[in-house]
C-alpha atoms as a PDB file:
ATOM      1  CA  MET A   1     -41.585 -80.459 -64.520  1.00  0.00           C
ATOM      2  CA  ASP A   2     -41.362 -78.923 -68.010  1.00  0.00           C
ATOM      3  CA  SER A   3     -40.546 -82.142 -69.797  1.00  0.00           C
ATOM      4  CA  ALA A   4     -40.736 -80.513 -73.231  1.00  0.00           C
ATOM      5  CA  THR A   5     -37.501 -78.611 -72.534  1.00  0.00           C
ATOM      6  CA  LEU A   6     -35.583 -81.645 -71.222  1.00  0.00           C
ATOM      7  CA  PHE A   7     -35.560 -83.636 -74.460  1.00  0.00           C
ATOM      8  CA  SER A   8     -35.049 -82.821 -78.122  1.00  0.00           C
ATOM      9  CA  ALA A   9     -38.000 -83.203 -80.471  1.00  0.00           C
ATOM     10  CA  GLU A  10     -36.481 -86.392 -81.862  1.00  0.00           C
ATOM     11  CA  ALA A  11     -35.906 -87.806 -78.371  1.00  0.00           C
ATOM     12  CA  GLN A  12     -39.527 -87.054 -77.509  1.00  0.00           C
ATOM     13  CA  ARG A  13     -40.729 -88.932 -80.588  1.00  0.00           C
ATOM     14  CA  VAL A  14     -38.544 -91.919 -79.750  1.00  0.00           C
ATOM     15  CA  LEU A  15     -39.717 -92.070 -76.144  1.00  0.00           C
ATOM     16  CA  LEU A  16     -43.393 -91.726 -77.062  1.00  0.00           C
ATOM     17  CA  ARG A  17     -42.993 -94.406 -79.706  1.00  0.00           C
ATOM     18  CA  THR A  18     -41.310 -96.686 -77.173  1.00  0.00           C
ATOM     19  CA  ALA A  19     -44.167 -96.204 -74.712  1.00  0.00           C
ATOM     20  CA  GLY A  20     -46.638 -97.176 -77.412  1.00  0.00           C
ATOM     21  CA  GLU A  21     -44.585-100.216 -78.350  1.00  0.00           C
ATOM     22  CA  LEU A  22     -44.580-101.343 -74.722  1.00  0.00           C
ATOM     23  CA  ALA A  23     -48.365-101.089 -74.630  1.00  0.00           C
ATOM     24  CA  ASP A  24     -48.614-103.098 -77.851  1.00  0.00           C
ATOM     25  CA  VAL A  25     -46.305-105.789 -76.489  1.00  0.00           C
ATOM     26  CA  ALA A  26     -48.343-106.065 -73.287  1.00  0.00           C
ATOM     27  CA  ALA A  27     -51.663-106.143 -75.134  1.00  0.00           C
ATOM     28  CA  ALA A  28     -50.453-109.008 -77.311  1.00  0.00           C
ATOM     29  CA  ARG A  29     -49.959-111.098 -74.152  1.00  0.00           C
ATOM     30  CA  CYS A  30     -53.023-109.905 -72.224  1.00  0.00           C
ATOM     31  CA  LEU A  31     -55.860-109.868 -74.739  1.00  0.00           C
ATOM     32  CA  PRO A  32     -55.803-113.572 -75.655  1.00  0.00           C
ATOM     33  CA  LEU A  33     -56.326-114.403 -71.969  1.00  0.00           C
ATOM     34  CA  PHE A  34     -58.965-111.754 -71.222  1.00  0.00           C
ATOM     35  CA  ARG A  35     -62.344-113.457 -70.692  1.00  0.00           C
ATOM     36  CA  SER A  36     -60.656-116.772 -71.445  1.00  0.00           C
ATOM     37  CA  PRO A  37     -61.192-120.020 -69.512  1.00  0.00           C
ATOM     38  CA  ALA A  38     -57.440-120.581 -69.844  1.00  0.00           C
ATOM     39  CA  LEU A  39     -56.703-117.716 -67.441  1.00  0.00           C
ATOM     40  CA  VAL A  40     -55.210-118.913 -64.147  1.00  0.00           C
ATOM     41  CA  ALA A  41     -54.673-116.727 -61.058  1.00  0.00           C
ATOM     42  CA  ASP A  42     -52.307-117.154 -58.133  1.00  0.00           C
ATOM     43  CA  ASN A  43     -52.681-115.346 -54.822  1.00  0.00           C
ATOM     44  CA  LYS A  44     -49.717-113.133 -53.848  1.00  0.00           C
ATOM     45  CA  ALA A  45     -51.154-112.201 -50.460  1.00  0.00           C
ATOM     46  CA  ALA A  46     -50.440-113.971 -47.176  1.00  0.00           C
ATOM     47  CA  GLN A  47     -53.876-112.793 -46.059  1.00  0.00           C
ATOM     48  CA  GLY A  48     -56.806-111.870 -48.273  1.00  0.00           C
ATOM     49  CA  PHE A  49     -56.656-112.066 -52.064  1.00  0.00           C
ATOM     50  CA  ASP A  50     -54.136-110.213 -54.228  1.00  0.00           C
ATOM     51  CA  PRO A  51     -54.199-111.998 -57.573  1.00  0.00           C
ATOM     52  CA  VAL A  52     -51.536-112.307 -60.239  1.00  0.00           C
ATOM     53  CA  THR A  53     -52.093-114.165 -63.504  1.00  0.00           C
ATOM     54  CA  GLN A  54     -49.904-115.617 -66.212  1.00  0.00           C
ATOM     55  CA  ALA A  55     -50.999-112.641 -68.308  1.00  0.00           C
ATOM     56  CA  ASP A  56     -49.436-110.228 -65.777  1.00  0.00           C
ATOM     57  CA  ARG A  57     -46.157-112.107 -65.717  1.00  0.00           C
ATOM     58  CA  GLU A  58     -45.915-112.818 -69.439  1.00  0.00           C
ATOM     59  CA  ALA A  59     -46.804-109.246 -70.380  1.00  0.00           C
ATOM     60  CA  GLU A  60     -44.252-107.682 -68.042  1.00  0.00           C
ATOM     61  CA  ALA A  61     -41.568-110.123 -69.167  1.00  0.00           C
ATOM     62  CA  ALA A  62     -42.273-109.165 -72.778  1.00  0.00           C
ATOM     63  CA  MET A  63     -42.163-105.448 -71.943  1.00  0.00           C
ATOM     64  CA  ARG A  64     -38.814-105.892 -70.210  1.00  0.00           C
ATOM     65  CA  ALA A  65     -37.429-107.891 -73.124  1.00  0.00           C
ATOM     66  CA  HIS A  66     -38.478-105.116 -75.510  1.00  0.00           C
ATOM     67  CA  LEU A  67     -36.721-102.496 -73.393  1.00  0.00           C
ATOM     68  CA  ALA A  68     -33.611-104.654 -73.065  1.00  0.00           C
ATOM     69  CA  ALA A  69     -33.433-104.837 -76.853  1.00  0.00           C
ATOM     70  CA  LYS A  70     -34.379-101.241 -77.680  1.00  0.00           C
ATOM     71  CA  ARG A  71     -33.207 -99.192 -74.677  1.00  0.00           C
ATOM     72  CA  PRO A  72     -30.766-101.258 -72.605  1.00  0.00           C
ATOM     73  CA  GLU A  73     -29.361 -98.135 -70.934  1.00  0.00           C
ATOM     74  CA  ASP A  74     -32.674 -97.337 -69.209  1.00  0.00           C
ATOM     75  CA  ALA A  75     -33.754 -98.658 -65.810  1.00  0.00           C
ATOM     76  CA  VAL A  76     -37.027-100.521 -65.325  1.00  0.00           C
ATOM     77  CA  LEU A  77     -39.406-100.751 -62.370  1.00  0.00           C
ATOM     78  CA  GLY A  78     -42.332-103.134 -62.688  1.00  0.00           C
ATOM     79  CA  GLU A  79     -44.960-104.663 -60.454  1.00  0.00           C
ATOM     80  CA  GLU A  80     -44.133-108.299 -61.074  1.00  0.00           C
ATOM     81  CA  PHE A  81     -40.323-108.362 -61.288  1.00  0.00           C
ATOM     82  CA  GLY A  82     -39.145-105.302 -59.349  1.00  0.00           C
ATOM     83  CA  PRO A  83     -36.297-102.939 -60.324  1.00  0.00           C
ATOM     84  CA  THR A  84     -33.610-103.335 -62.975  1.00  0.00           C
ATOM     85  CA  ALA A  85     -30.775-100.793 -62.893  1.00  0.00           C
ATOM     86  CA  GLY A  86     -29.814 -98.543 -65.790  1.00  0.00           C
ATOM     87  CA  THR A  87     -27.270 -95.857 -66.663  1.00  0.00           C
ATOM     88  CA  SER A  88     -29.285 -93.234 -68.573  1.00  0.00           C
ATOM     89  CA  GLY A  89     -31.070 -91.579 -65.647  1.00  0.00           C
ATOM     90  CA  LEU A  90     -34.423 -92.682 -67.095  1.00  0.00           C
ATOM     91  CA  THR A  91     -36.654 -95.342 -65.558  1.00  0.00           C
ATOM     92  CA  TRP A  92     -39.570 -97.044 -67.295  1.00  0.00           C
ATOM     93  CA  VAL A  93     -42.220 -97.633 -64.636  1.00  0.00           C
ATOM     94  CA  ILE A  94     -44.582-100.342 -65.862  1.00  0.00           C
ATOM     95  CA  ASP A  95     -47.656-102.233 -64.746  1.00  0.00           C
ATOM     96  CA  PRO A  96     -48.744-104.781 -67.365  1.00  0.00           C
ATOM     97  CA  ILE A  97     -52.236-105.147 -65.919  1.00  0.00           C
ATOM     98  CA  ASP A  98     -53.404-102.505 -63.487  1.00  0.00           C
ATOM     99  CA  GLY A  99     -56.667-103.917 -62.187  1.00  0.00           C
ATOM    100  CA  THR A 100     -55.972-107.649 -62.158  1.00  0.00           C
ATOM    101  CA  ARG A 101     -59.180-108.285 -60.197  1.00  0.00           C
ATOM    102  CA  SER A 102     -61.165-106.616 -62.984  1.00  0.00           C
ATOM    103  CA  PHE A 103     -59.189-108.589 -65.573  1.00  0.00           C
ATOM    104  CA  LEU A 104     -60.149-111.803 -63.767  1.00  0.00           C
ATOM    105  CA  CYS A 105     -63.809-110.797 -63.760  1.00  0.00           C
ATOM    106  CA  GLY A 106     -63.893-109.838 -67.439  1.00  0.00           C
ATOM    107  CA  ALA A 107     -64.497-106.155 -66.672  1.00  0.00           C
ATOM    108  CA  PRO A 108     -62.710-103.763 -69.082  1.00  0.00           C
ATOM    109  CA  SER A 109     -61.576-101.268 -66.447  1.00  0.00           C
ATOM    110  CA  TRP A 110     -58.037-102.712 -66.282  1.00  0.00           C
ATOM    111  CA  GLY A 111     -55.229-101.239 -68.310  1.00  0.00           C
ATOM    112  CA  VAL A 112     -51.573-101.294 -69.239  1.00  0.00           C
ATOM    113  CA  LEU A 113     -49.640 -98.516 -67.490  1.00  0.00           C
ATOM    114  CA  VAL A 114     -46.371 -97.011 -68.673  1.00  0.00           C
ATOM    115  CA  GLY A 115     -44.544 -94.079 -67.096  1.00  0.00           C
ATOM    116  CA  LEU A 116     -41.115 -92.647 -67.821  1.00  0.00           C
ATOM    117  CA  ASP A 117     -39.431 -91.187 -64.742  1.00  0.00           C
ATOM    118  CA  ALA A 118     -36.541 -88.774 -65.318  1.00  0.00           C
ATOM    119  CA  GLY A 119     -35.754 -88.607 -61.598  1.00  0.00           C
ATOM    120  CA  GLU A 120     -38.404 -86.241 -60.277  1.00  0.00           C
ATOM    121  CA  GLY A 121     -41.503 -87.916 -61.642  1.00  0.00           C
ATOM    122  CA  PRO A 122     -42.966 -88.942 -64.987  1.00  0.00           C
ATOM    123  CA  VAL A 123     -42.141 -86.937 -68.105  1.00  0.00           C
ATOM    124  CA  LEU A 124     -44.650 -89.043 -69.993  1.00  0.00           C
ATOM    125  CA  GLY A 125     -47.429 -91.434 -69.112  1.00  0.00           C
ATOM    126  CA  LEU A 126     -49.682 -93.897 -70.869  1.00  0.00           C
ATOM    127  CA  ILE A 127     -52.901 -95.695 -69.953  1.00  0.00           C
ATOM    128  CA  ASP A 128     -53.894 -98.311 -72.515  1.00  0.00           C
ATOM    129  CA  GLN A 129     -57.164-100.253 -72.555  1.00  0.00           C
ATOM    130  CA  PRO A 130     -56.560-102.706 -75.389  1.00  0.00           C
ATOM    131  CA  PHE A 131     -59.994-104.367 -75.226  1.00  0.00           C
ATOM    132  CA  THR A 132     -61.804-101.089 -75.933  1.00  0.00           C
ATOM    133  CA  GLY A 133     -59.013 -99.817 -78.172  1.00  0.00           C
ATOM    134  CA  GLU A 134     -58.416 -96.653 -76.136  1.00  0.00           C
ATOM    135  CA  ARG A 135     -54.921 -95.310 -75.543  1.00  0.00           C
ATOM    136  CA  PHE A 136     -54.425 -92.234 -73.360  1.00  0.00           C
ATOM    137  CA  ILE A 137     -50.987 -90.658 -73.753  1.00  0.00           C
ATOM    138  CA  GLY A 138     -49.549 -87.578 -72.062  1.00  0.00           C
ATOM    139  CA  GLY A 139     -46.146 -85.983 -72.089  1.00  0.00           C
ATOM    140  CA  PHE A 140     -43.967 -83.188 -73.416  1.00  0.00           C
ATOM    141  CA  GLY A 141     -46.777 -80.641 -73.156  1.00  0.00           C
ATOM    142  CA  ARG A 142     -49.454 -82.648 -74.961  1.00  0.00           C
ATOM    143  CA  ALA A 143     -52.116 -85.223 -74.091  1.00  0.00           C
ATOM    144  CA  VAL A 144     -54.196 -87.232 -76.557  1.00  0.00           C
ATOM    145  CA  LEU A 145     -56.606 -90.138 -76.811  1.00  0.00           C
ATOM    146  CA  ARG A 146     -55.888 -92.517 -79.677  1.00  0.00           C
ATOM    147  CA  ARG A 147     -58.753 -94.733 -80.765  1.00  0.00           C
ATOM    148  CA  GLY A 148     -59.741 -96.267 -84.063  1.00  0.00           C
ATOM    149  CA  GLY A 149     -56.959 -94.551 -85.958  1.00  0.00           C
ATOM    150  CA  ARG A 150     -58.030 -91.117 -84.716  1.00  0.00           C
ATOM    151  CA  GLU A 151     -56.294 -88.806 -82.257  1.00  0.00           C
ATOM    152  CA  THR A 152     -58.288 -86.487 -79.971  1.00  0.00           C
ATOM    153  CA  PRO A 153     -56.737 -83.901 -77.617  1.00  0.00           C
ATOM    154  CA  LEU A 154     -57.280 -84.564 -73.924  1.00  0.00           C
ATOM    155  CA  ALA A 155     -58.197 -81.811 -71.479  1.00  0.00           C
ATOM    156  CA  THR A 156     -59.462 -81.997 -67.925  1.00  0.00           C
ATOM    157  CA  ARG A 157     -62.637 -80.123 -67.085  1.00  0.00           C
ATOM    158  CA  GLN A 158     -63.214 -77.157 -64.823  1.00  0.00           C
ATOM    159  CA  CYS A 159     -64.672 -77.888 -61.407  1.00  0.00           C
ATOM    160  CA  ALA A 160     -64.220 -75.367 -58.617  1.00  0.00           C
ATOM    161  CA  ARG A 161     -66.285 -76.976 -55.848  1.00  0.00           C
ATOM    162  CA  LEU A 162     -66.553 -80.390 -54.268  1.00  0.00           C
ATOM    163  CA  ALA A 163     -70.319 -79.980 -54.456  1.00  0.00           C
ATOM    164  CA  ASP A 164     -70.009 -80.207 -58.248  1.00  0.00           C
ATOM    165  CA  ALA A 165     -67.395 -82.967 -58.338  1.00  0.00           C
ATOM    166  CA  ALA A 166     -67.587 -86.572 -59.517  1.00  0.00           C
ATOM    167  CA  LEU A 167     -65.301 -88.629 -57.253  1.00  0.00           C
ATOM    168  CA  PHE A 168     -63.919 -92.124 -57.885  1.00  0.00           C
ATOM    169  CA  THR A 169     -61.903 -94.645 -55.902  1.00  0.00           C
ATOM    170  CA  THR A 170     -61.227 -98.328 -56.459  1.00  0.00           C
ATOM    171  CA  PHE A 171     -62.099 -99.730 -53.033  1.00  0.00           C
ATOM    172  CA  PRO A 172     -64.876 -98.420 -50.728  1.00  0.00           C
ATOM    173  CA  GLU A 173     -62.819 -99.709 -47.784  1.00  0.00           C
ATOM    174  CA  ILE A 174     -59.938 -97.388 -48.684  1.00  0.00           C
ATOM    175  CA  GLY A 175     -56.832 -97.517 -46.480  1.00  0.00           C
ATOM    176  CA  THR A 176     -56.713 -97.352 -42.704  1.00  0.00           C
ATOM    177  CA  PRO A 177     -59.657 -96.180 -40.575  1.00  0.00           C
ATOM    178  CA  ALA A 178     -58.122 -92.685 -40.430  1.00  0.00           C
ATOM    179  CA  GLU A 179     -57.603 -92.638 -44.202  1.00  0.00           C
ATOM    180  CA  ARG A 180     -61.143 -93.868 -44.724  1.00  0.00           C
ATOM    181  CA  ALA A 181     -62.428 -91.014 -42.591  1.00  0.00           C
ATOM    182  CA  GLY A 182     -60.495 -88.529 -44.730  1.00  0.00           C
ATOM    183  CA  PHE A 183     -61.894 -90.016 -47.922  1.00  0.00           C
ATOM    184  CA  GLU A 184     -65.408 -90.026 -46.504  1.00  0.00           C
ATOM    185  CA  ALA A 185     -65.104 -86.349 -45.599  1.00  0.00           C
ATOM    186  CA  VAL A 186     -64.538 -85.622 -49.294  1.00  0.00           C
ATOM    187  CA  ARG A 187     -67.153 -88.154 -50.391  1.00  0.00           C
ATOM    188  CA  ASP A 188     -69.814 -86.566 -48.218  1.00  0.00           C
ATOM    189  CA  ARG A 189     -69.263 -83.210 -49.938  1.00  0.00           C
ATOM    190  CA  ALA A 190     -68.954 -84.472 -53.511  1.00  0.00           C
ATOM    191  CA  ARG A 191     -71.800 -84.438 -55.992  1.00  0.00           C
ATOM    192  CA  LEU A 192     -71.462 -88.177 -56.630  1.00  0.00           C
ATOM    193  CA  THR A 193     -69.081 -91.009 -55.799  1.00  0.00           C
ATOM    194  CA  ARG A 194     -68.411 -94.197 -57.738  1.00  0.00           C
ATOM    195  CA  TYR A 195     -66.163 -97.192 -57.087  1.00  0.00           C
ATOM    196  CA  GLY A 196     -64.083 -99.842 -58.783  1.00  0.00           C
ATOM    197  CA  LEU A 197     -62.707 -98.456 -62.059  1.00  0.00           C
ATOM    198  CA  ASP A 198     -59.003 -99.060 -61.359  1.00  0.00           C
ATOM    199  CA  CYS A 199     -56.741 -97.071 -63.715  1.00  0.00           C
ATOM    200  CA  TYR A 200     -59.633 -96.236 -66.033  1.00  0.00           C
ATOM    201  CA  ALA A 201     -60.852 -93.662 -63.521  1.00  0.00           C
ATOM    202  CA  TYR A 202     -57.629 -91.697 -64.025  1.00  0.00           C
ATOM    203  CA  ALA A 203     -58.193 -91.832 -67.771  1.00  0.00           C
ATOM    204  CA  LEU A 204     -61.639 -90.311 -67.218  1.00  0.00           C
ATOM    205  CA  VAL A 205     -60.064 -87.410 -65.312  1.00  0.00           C
ATOM    206  CA  ALA A 206     -57.815 -86.701 -68.296  1.00  0.00           C
ATOM    207  CA  LEU A 207     -60.791 -87.065 -70.628  1.00  0.00           C
ATOM    208  CA  GLY A 208     -62.716 -84.395 -68.714  1.00  0.00           C
ATOM    209  CA  GLN A 209     -65.477 -86.767 -67.623  1.00  0.00           C
ATOM    210  CA  ILE A 210     -64.842 -86.840 -63.872  1.00  0.00           C
ATOM    211  CA  ASP A 211     -63.071 -84.597 -61.381  1.00  0.00           C
ATOM    212  CA  LEU A 212     -61.313 -86.547 -58.632  1.00  0.00           C
ATOM    213  CA  VAL A 213     -59.676 -89.891 -57.906  1.00  0.00           C
ATOM    214  CA  ILE A 214     -58.601 -90.533 -54.318  1.00  0.00           C
ATOM    215  CA  GLU A 215     -56.706 -93.676 -53.286  1.00  0.00           C
ATOM    216  CA  ALA A 216     -54.253 -94.957 -50.679  1.00  0.00           C
ATOM    217  CA  GLY A 217     -51.504 -97.560 -50.580  1.00  0.00           C
ATOM    218  CA  LEU A 218     -50.366 -97.109 -54.182  1.00  0.00           C
ATOM    219  CA  GLN A 219     -46.974 -98.015 -55.626  1.00  0.00           C
ATOM    220  CA  PRO A 220     -44.963 -95.988 -58.173  1.00  0.00           C
ATOM    221  CA  TYR A 221     -46.085 -98.306 -60.972  1.00  0.00           C
ATOM    222  CA  ASP A 222     -49.726 -97.601 -60.046  1.00  0.00           C
ATOM    223  CA  VAL A 223     -49.237 -93.849 -60.231  1.00  0.00           C
ATOM    224  CA  GLN A 224     -46.710 -92.720 -62.789  1.00  0.00           C
ATOM    225  CA  GLY A 225     -48.520 -93.692 -65.984  1.00  0.00           C
ATOM    226  CA  PRO A 226     -51.790 -92.002 -64.950  1.00  0.00           C
ATOM    227  CA  GLN A 227     -49.919 -89.043 -63.460  1.00  0.00           C
ATOM    228  CA  GLY A 228     -48.148 -88.345 -66.748  1.00  0.00           C
ATOM    229  CA  VAL A 229     -51.437 -88.397 -68.651  1.00  0.00           C
ATOM    230  CA  ILE A 230     -53.429 -86.257 -66.217  1.00  0.00           C
ATOM    231  CA  GLU A 231     -50.757 -83.602 -65.767  1.00  0.00           C
ATOM    232  CA  ALA A 232     -50.307 -83.257 -69.531  1.00  0.00           C
ATOM    233  CA  ALA A 233     -54.090 -82.859 -69.843  1.00  0.00           C
ATOM    234  CA  GLY A 234     -54.081 -79.962 -67.358  1.00  0.00           C
ATOM    235  CA  GLY A 235     -54.768 -81.761 -64.090  1.00  0.00           C
ATOM    236  CA  VAL A 236     -52.990 -82.115 -60.752  1.00  0.00           C
ATOM    237  CA  VAL A 237     -51.707 -85.276 -59.040  1.00  0.00           C
ATOM    238  CA  THR A 238     -50.182 -85.177 -55.534  1.00  0.00           C
ATOM    239  CA  THR A 239     -50.170 -87.012 -52.243  1.00  0.00           C
ATOM    240  CA  TRP A 240     -52.842 -86.209 -49.683  1.00  0.00           C
ATOM    241  CA  THR A 241     -50.491 -83.640 -48.155  1.00  0.00           C
ATOM    242  CA  GLY A 242     -49.666 -81.970 -51.462  1.00  0.00           C
ATOM    243  CA  GLU A 243     -46.280 -83.638 -51.973  1.00  0.00           C
ATOM    244  CA  PRO A 244     -45.029 -85.151 -55.264  1.00  0.00           C
ATOM    245  CA  ALA A 245     -47.010 -88.263 -56.149  1.00  0.00           C
ATOM    246  CA  HIS A 246     -44.556 -90.288 -58.211  1.00  0.00           C
ATOM    247  CA  ARG A 247     -43.354 -92.469 -55.331  1.00  0.00           C
ATOM    248  CA  GLY A 248     -46.901 -93.631 -54.579  1.00  0.00           C
ATOM    249  CA  GLY A 249     -48.684 -93.740 -51.245  1.00  0.00           C
ATOM    250  CA  ARG A 250     -51.872 -91.778 -50.652  1.00  0.00           C
ATOM    251  CA  ILE A 251     -52.809 -90.110 -53.933  1.00  0.00           C
ATOM    252  CA  VAL A 252     -55.325 -87.529 -55.085  1.00  0.00           C
ATOM    253  CA  ALA A 253     -55.722 -86.774 -58.791  1.00  0.00           C
ATOM    254  CA  ALA A 254     -57.875 -83.857 -59.897  1.00  0.00           C
ATOM    255  CA  GLY A 255     -58.831 -82.195 -63.123  1.00  0.00           C
ATOM    256  CA  ASP A 256     -58.978 -78.707 -61.608  1.00  0.00           C
ATOM    257  CA  ALA A 257     -56.523 -77.191 -59.116  1.00  0.00           C
ATOM    258  CA  ARG A 258     -59.397 -75.618 -57.171  1.00  0.00           C
ATOM    259  CA  VAL A 259     -61.210 -78.861 -56.424  1.00  0.00           C
ATOM    260  CA  HIS A 260     -57.828 -80.452 -55.725  1.00  0.00           C
ATOM    261  CA  ALA A 261     -57.178 -77.813 -53.061  1.00  0.00           C
ATOM    262  CA  ALA A 262     -60.615 -78.370 -51.551  1.00  0.00           C
ATOM    263  CA  ALA A 263     -59.993 -82.114 -51.334  1.00  0.00           C
ATOM    264  CA  LEU A 264     -56.514 -81.621 -49.847  1.00  0.00           C
ATOM    265  CA  GLU A 265     -57.912 -79.444 -47.090  1.00  0.00           C
ATOM    266  CA  LEU A 266     -59.923 -82.434 -45.871  1.00  0.00           C
ATOM    267  CA  LEU A 267     -57.494 -85.228 -46.731  1.00  0.00           C
ATOM    268  CA  SER A 268     -54.474 -83.616 -45.071  1.00  0.00           C
ATOM    269  CA  ARG A 269     -56.127 -84.136 -41.687  1.00  0.00           C
ATOM    270  CA  ALA A 270     -56.199 -87.935 -42.112  1.00  0.00           C
END
């Protein structure tokens, strides 16, 4: 999607500013509770452990309140409170803390995710790590890292072969047994594989530090922020069968279309 042609320059500035404001609002709720003994987690899962904290809920509520005040015509889809309808054709897809398990453990691999879906996927995306002060933003033909008052262009790196690729996923026990076999087929051919970085792994793809992220069972709010950043930085994000990624599911993100194709060849059999 050529998002730069869909919106005027002024509209682009407004939307990018709004995305940044949403990240600021979320950070103001999250950071005081990060590595704090006051943090309390509930378990959303009937089986196993799927945590949610007061930081998740308070941050998303604040993000929604900001949108209701600034852009009431837009729809919202968030992890904690579901969908809210709008009339503009735009949907803000938000996850106040992607990586709640990491947040609970004090590990700075969690992040605030913001995507703006114009109907066929994100026209902009944002990954914000407020503890480290890193904000990755992509959209309208441009991707940048903002940190310490400086702005650095983002660009994915070239990687033609799986044998040269750095591969990440959050959980070693990815998906179903068949999905795990597909992932392991890629893993066994990659140069190196690492685990557990949540949304920060997608930021590293956009930064040109790693080459692939492969995951399963994702929701739109897990995908659209990172997708917007990576695509604006020159990368590719699809499902394991090469379909559009913005609805979630089984996702592969790559910095180079060639290594993406090599991964798809193996993953599409799962």
